[in-house]
């Protein structure tokens, strides 16, 4: 059963590190709010299945490098929540 981890913390927040350590194979990470700053600060540490919320990237003036993450809109965020059996908000 896959888990969707929704992370809204700054990359230097303790829960950010805890979230990355908790992600198992087959899980997905969705970065929202201040979590999208990880595309700048911790891009190399993010799992392959990382998504970022487009509205939060735009609000912070961030354009992630091509291929770093999959950018989703609100409808995409809803799809992610419906395709995972568990959801953890960090």
N, C-alpha and C. Protein backbone atom coordinates (compact mmCIF):
# COMPACT_ATOMS: atom_id res chain seq x y z
N UNK A 1 0.84 -1.18 0.00
CA UNK A 1 0.00 0.00 0.00
C UNK A 1 0.89 1.24 0.00
N UNK A 2 0.65 2.12 -0.93
CA UNK A 2 1.49 3.31 -1.04
C UNK A 2 0.95 4.44 -0.17
N UNK A 3 1.87 5.30 0.21
CA UNK A 3 1.53 6.44 1.07
C UNK A 3 1.87 7.73 0.34
N UNK A 4 0.98 8.70 0.46
CA UNK A 4 1.24 10.04 -0.02
C UNK A 4 1.67 10.87 1.17
N UNK A 5 2.87 11.42 1.11
CA UNK A 5 3.40 12.28 2.16
C UNK A 5 3.23 13.72 1.68
N UNK A 6 2.44 14.52 2.40
CA UNK A 6 2.22 15.92 2.04
C UNK A 6 3.05 16.76 3.01
N UNK A 7 4.01 17.49 2.47
CA UNK A 7 4.98 18.22 3.29
C UNK A 7 4.89 19.71 3.03
N UNK A 8 4.65 20.48 4.10
CA UNK A 8 4.56 21.94 3.96
C UNK A 8 5.59 22.69 4.79
N UNK A 9 6.60 22.01 5.27
CA UNK A 9 7.62 22.63 6.14
C UNK A 9 8.83 23.11 5.34
N UNK A 10 9.51 24.15 5.89
CA UNK A 10 10.78 24.60 5.33
C UNK A 10 11.78 23.45 5.34
N UNK A 11 12.71 23.41 4.40
CA UNK A 11 13.71 22.33 4.38
C UNK A 11 14.56 22.21 5.64
N UNK A 12 14.70 23.29 6.43
CA UNK A 12 15.50 23.19 7.65
C UNK A 12 14.67 22.83 8.88
N UNK A 13 13.39 22.56 8.71
CA UNK A 13 12.52 22.16 9.82
C UNK A 13 12.75 20.68 10.14
N UNK A 14 12.76 20.30 11.43
CA UNK A 14 12.99 18.89 11.79
C UNK A 14 12.01 17.91 11.13
N UNK A 15 10.76 18.32 10.95
CA UNK A 15 9.80 17.41 10.32
C UNK A 15 10.10 17.18 8.85
N UNK A 16 10.80 18.11 8.22
CA UNK A 16 11.19 17.91 6.82
C UNK A 16 12.09 16.69 6.72
N UNK A 17 13.12 16.64 7.53
CA UNK A 17 14.06 15.51 7.54
C UNK A 17 13.33 14.22 7.94
N UNK A 18 12.46 14.30 8.94
CA UNK A 18 11.72 13.12 9.38
C UNK A 18 10.85 12.57 8.25
N UNK A 19 10.25 13.45 7.50
CA UNK A 19 9.43 13.02 6.37
C UNK A 19 10.27 12.28 5.34
N UNK A 20 11.40 12.87 4.95
CA UNK A 20 12.25 12.22 3.94
C UNK A 20 12.71 10.85 4.41
N UNK A 21 13.00 10.72 5.70
CA UNK A 21 13.45 9.43 6.24
C UNK A 21 12.32 8.41 6.29
N UNK A 22 11.08 8.87 6.35
CA UNK A 22 9.93 7.96 6.46
C UNK A 22 9.44 7.46 5.10
N UNK A 23 9.87 8.08 4.03
CA UNK A 23 9.38 7.70 2.71
C UNK A 23 9.97 6.35 2.30
N UNK A 24 9.06 5.43 1.98
CA UNK A 24 9.46 4.09 1.56
C UNK A 24 9.33 3.96 0.05
N UNK A 25 9.89 2.90 -0.48
CA UNK A 25 9.77 2.65 -1.91
C UNK A 25 8.30 2.54 -2.28
N UNK A 26 7.91 3.20 -3.35
CA UNK A 26 6.52 3.18 -3.78
C UNK A 26 5.70 4.34 -3.23
N UNK A 27 6.25 5.09 -2.27
CA UNK A 27 5.56 6.25 -1.72
C UNK A 27 5.76 7.46 -2.63
N UNK A 28 4.94 8.46 -2.40
CA UNK A 28 5.00 9.71 -3.17
C UNK A 28 5.09 10.88 -2.21
N UNK A 29 5.88 11.88 -2.59
CA UNK A 29 6.01 13.11 -1.81
C UNK A 29 5.35 14.25 -2.58
N UNK A 30 4.49 14.99 -1.89
CA UNK A 30 3.88 16.19 -2.46
C UNK A 30 4.33 17.38 -1.63
N UNK A 31 5.03 18.31 -2.25
CA UNK A 31 5.49 19.52 -1.58
C UNK A 31 4.48 20.64 -1.80
N UNK A 32 4.02 21.23 -0.68
CA UNK A 32 3.08 22.35 -0.75
C UNK A 32 3.58 23.46 0.16
N UNK A 33 2.97 24.63 0.03
CA UNK A 33 3.30 25.79 0.86
C UNK A 33 4.82 25.98 0.92
N UNK A 34 5.40 26.12 2.12
CA UNK A 34 6.85 26.34 2.22
C UNK A 34 7.67 25.11 1.85
N UNK A 35 7.05 23.97 1.76
CA UNK A 35 7.76 22.76 1.35
C UNK A 35 8.33 22.85 -0.06
N UNK A 36 7.71 23.70 -0.91
CA UNK A 36 8.21 23.82 -2.28
C UNK A 36 9.61 24.43 -2.33
N UNK A 37 10.04 25.06 -1.25
CA UNK A 37 11.40 25.62 -1.20
C UNK A 37 12.45 24.53 -1.29
N UNK A 38 12.06 23.30 -1.05
CA UNK A 38 12.99 22.17 -1.16
C UNK A 38 13.48 21.99 -2.59
N UNK A 39 12.72 22.48 -3.56
CA UNK A 39 13.18 22.37 -4.94
C UNK A 39 14.44 23.19 -5.16
N UNK A 40 14.69 24.15 -4.29
CA UNK A 40 15.90 24.96 -4.36
C UNK A 40 16.97 24.44 -3.41
N UNK A 41 16.56 24.10 -2.19
CA UNK A 41 17.52 23.79 -1.13
C UNK A 41 17.92 22.33 -1.05
N UNK A 42 17.03 21.42 -1.39
CA UNK A 42 17.30 20.00 -1.15
C UNK A 42 16.92 19.14 -2.35
N UNK A 43 17.00 19.67 -3.53
CA UNK A 43 16.54 18.96 -4.72
C UNK A 43 17.20 17.59 -4.88
N UNK A 44 18.47 17.48 -4.58
CA UNK A 44 19.17 16.21 -4.72
C UNK A 44 18.74 15.15 -3.73
N UNK A 45 18.10 15.56 -2.65
CA UNK A 45 17.66 14.62 -1.61
C UNK A 45 16.24 14.13 -1.81
N UNK A 46 15.51 14.72 -2.73
CA UNK A 46 14.10 14.38 -2.90
C UNK A 46 13.95 13.06 -3.62
N UNK A 47 12.93 12.27 -3.22
CA UNK A 47 12.70 11.00 -3.91
C UNK A 47 12.26 11.23 -5.36
N UNK A 48 12.38 10.20 -6.15
CA UNK A 48 12.05 10.29 -7.58
C UNK A 48 10.59 10.64 -7.81
N UNK A 49 9.73 10.22 -6.91
CA UNK A 49 8.30 10.47 -7.07
C UNK A 49 7.89 11.69 -6.24
N UNK A 50 8.46 12.83 -6.57
CA UNK A 50 8.14 14.08 -5.88
C UNK A 50 7.30 14.97 -6.78
N UNK A 51 6.22 15.50 -6.21
CA UNK A 51 5.35 16.44 -6.91
C UNK A 51 5.37 17.77 -6.14
N UNK A 52 5.18 18.87 -6.85
CA UNK A 52 5.07 20.18 -6.21
C UNK A 52 3.80 20.85 -6.70
N UNK A 53 3.19 21.61 -5.81
CA UNK A 53 1.95 22.30 -6.15
C UNK A 53 2.27 23.58 -6.91
N UNK A 54 1.74 23.69 -8.11
CA UNK A 54 2.05 24.81 -9.02
C UNK A 54 1.74 26.17 -8.39
N UNK A 55 0.61 26.29 -7.71
CA UNK A 55 0.23 27.58 -7.12
C UNK A 55 1.23 28.03 -6.07
N UNK A 56 1.77 27.10 -5.30
CA UNK A 56 2.74 27.46 -4.26
C UNK A 56 4.10 27.80 -4.87
N UNK A 57 4.47 27.13 -5.94
CA UNK A 57 5.70 27.51 -6.65
C UNK A 57 5.57 28.93 -7.19
N UNK A 58 4.45 29.21 -7.83
CA UNK A 58 4.23 30.53 -8.42
C UNK A 58 4.20 31.62 -7.35
N UNK A 59 3.57 31.33 -6.23
CA UNK A 59 3.48 32.32 -5.15
C UNK A 59 4.85 32.70 -4.60
N UNK A 60 5.81 31.79 -4.72
CA UNK A 60 7.16 32.03 -4.21
C UNK A 60 8.16 32.36 -5.32
N UNK A 61 7.67 32.46 -6.54
CA UNK A 61 8.53 32.81 -7.66
C UNK A 61 9.56 31.75 -8.00
N UNK A 62 9.21 30.49 -7.77
CA UNK A 62 10.15 29.39 -8.00
C UNK A 62 9.81 28.67 -9.30
N UNK A 63 10.84 28.41 -10.07
CA UNK A 63 10.71 27.59 -11.27
C UNK A 63 11.70 26.44 -11.11
N UNK A 64 11.22 25.25 -10.74
CA UNK A 64 12.15 24.14 -10.53
C UNK A 64 12.84 23.75 -11.82
N UNK A 65 14.04 23.22 -11.68
CA UNK A 65 14.77 22.74 -12.85
C UNK A 65 13.99 21.62 -13.51
N UNK A 66 14.10 21.53 -14.81
CA UNK A 66 13.39 20.50 -15.58
C UNK A 66 13.71 19.12 -15.03
N UNK A 67 12.68 18.36 -14.70
CA UNK A 67 12.88 16.99 -14.24
C UNK A 67 13.08 16.83 -12.75
N UNK A 68 13.24 17.93 -12.00
CA UNK A 68 13.42 17.81 -10.55
C UNK A 68 12.18 17.23 -9.88
N UNK A 69 11.02 17.77 -10.23
CA UNK A 69 9.76 17.31 -9.65
C UNK A 69 8.69 17.37 -10.72
N UNK A 70 7.58 16.74 -10.41
CA UNK A 70 6.41 16.84 -11.29
C UNK A 70 5.52 17.94 -10.71
N UNK A 71 5.22 18.93 -11.48
CA UNK A 71 4.38 20.04 -11.02
C UNK A 71 2.92 19.68 -11.26
N UNK A 72 2.09 19.85 -10.21
CA UNK A 72 0.67 19.54 -10.32
C UNK A 72 -0.16 20.75 -9.91
N UNK A 73 -1.36 20.82 -10.47
CA UNK A 73 -2.31 21.85 -10.05
C UNK A 73 -3.19 21.25 -8.95
N UNK A 74 -4.22 21.99 -8.53
CA UNK A 74 -5.08 21.49 -7.45
C UNK A 74 -5.80 20.20 -7.84
N UNK A 75 -6.22 20.10 -9.09
CA UNK A 75 -6.87 18.86 -9.53
C UNK A 75 -5.89 17.69 -9.46
N UNK A 76 -4.64 17.94 -9.80
CA UNK A 76 -3.61 16.90 -9.70
C UNK A 76 -3.37 16.49 -8.26
N UNK A 77 -3.44 17.46 -7.35
CA UNK A 77 -3.29 17.15 -5.93
C UNK A 77 -4.42 16.23 -5.46
N UNK A 78 -5.63 16.54 -5.90
CA UNK A 78 -6.77 15.70 -5.54
C UNK A 78 -6.59 14.30 -6.11
N UNK A 79 -6.12 14.19 -7.35
CA UNK A 79 -5.87 12.86 -7.95
C UNK A 79 -4.87 12.07 -7.12
N UNK A 80 -3.82 12.75 -6.65
CA UNK A 80 -2.82 12.05 -5.82
C UNK A 80 -3.46 11.51 -4.55
N UNK A 81 -4.36 12.27 -3.95
CA UNK A 81 -4.99 11.79 -2.71
C UNK A 81 -5.91 10.61 -2.96
N UNK A 82 -6.46 10.51 -4.17
CA UNK A 82 -7.37 9.39 -4.44
C UNK A 82 -6.64 8.14 -4.91
N UNK A 83 -5.37 8.26 -5.27
CA UNK A 83 -4.64 7.10 -5.77
C UNK A 83 -3.69 6.49 -4.74
N UNK A 84 -3.71 7.00 -3.52
CA UNK A 84 -2.87 6.44 -2.46
C UNK A 84 -3.76 5.94 -1.32
N UNK A 85 -3.37 4.82 -0.76
CA UNK A 85 -4.18 4.22 0.30
C UNK A 85 -4.00 4.91 1.65
N UNK A 86 -2.88 5.58 1.84
CA UNK A 86 -2.61 6.30 3.09
C UNK A 86 -2.09 7.69 2.76
N UNK A 87 -2.42 8.66 3.63
CA UNK A 87 -1.93 10.03 3.47
C UNK A 87 -1.40 10.50 4.81
N UNK A 88 -0.18 11.04 4.80
CA UNK A 88 0.41 11.62 6.01
C UNK A 88 0.74 13.07 5.70
N UNK A 89 0.25 13.98 6.53
CA UNK A 89 0.59 15.40 6.40
C UNK A 89 1.65 15.74 7.42
N UNK A 90 2.72 16.35 6.94
CA UNK A 90 3.84 16.70 7.82
C UNK A 90 3.83 18.18 8.08
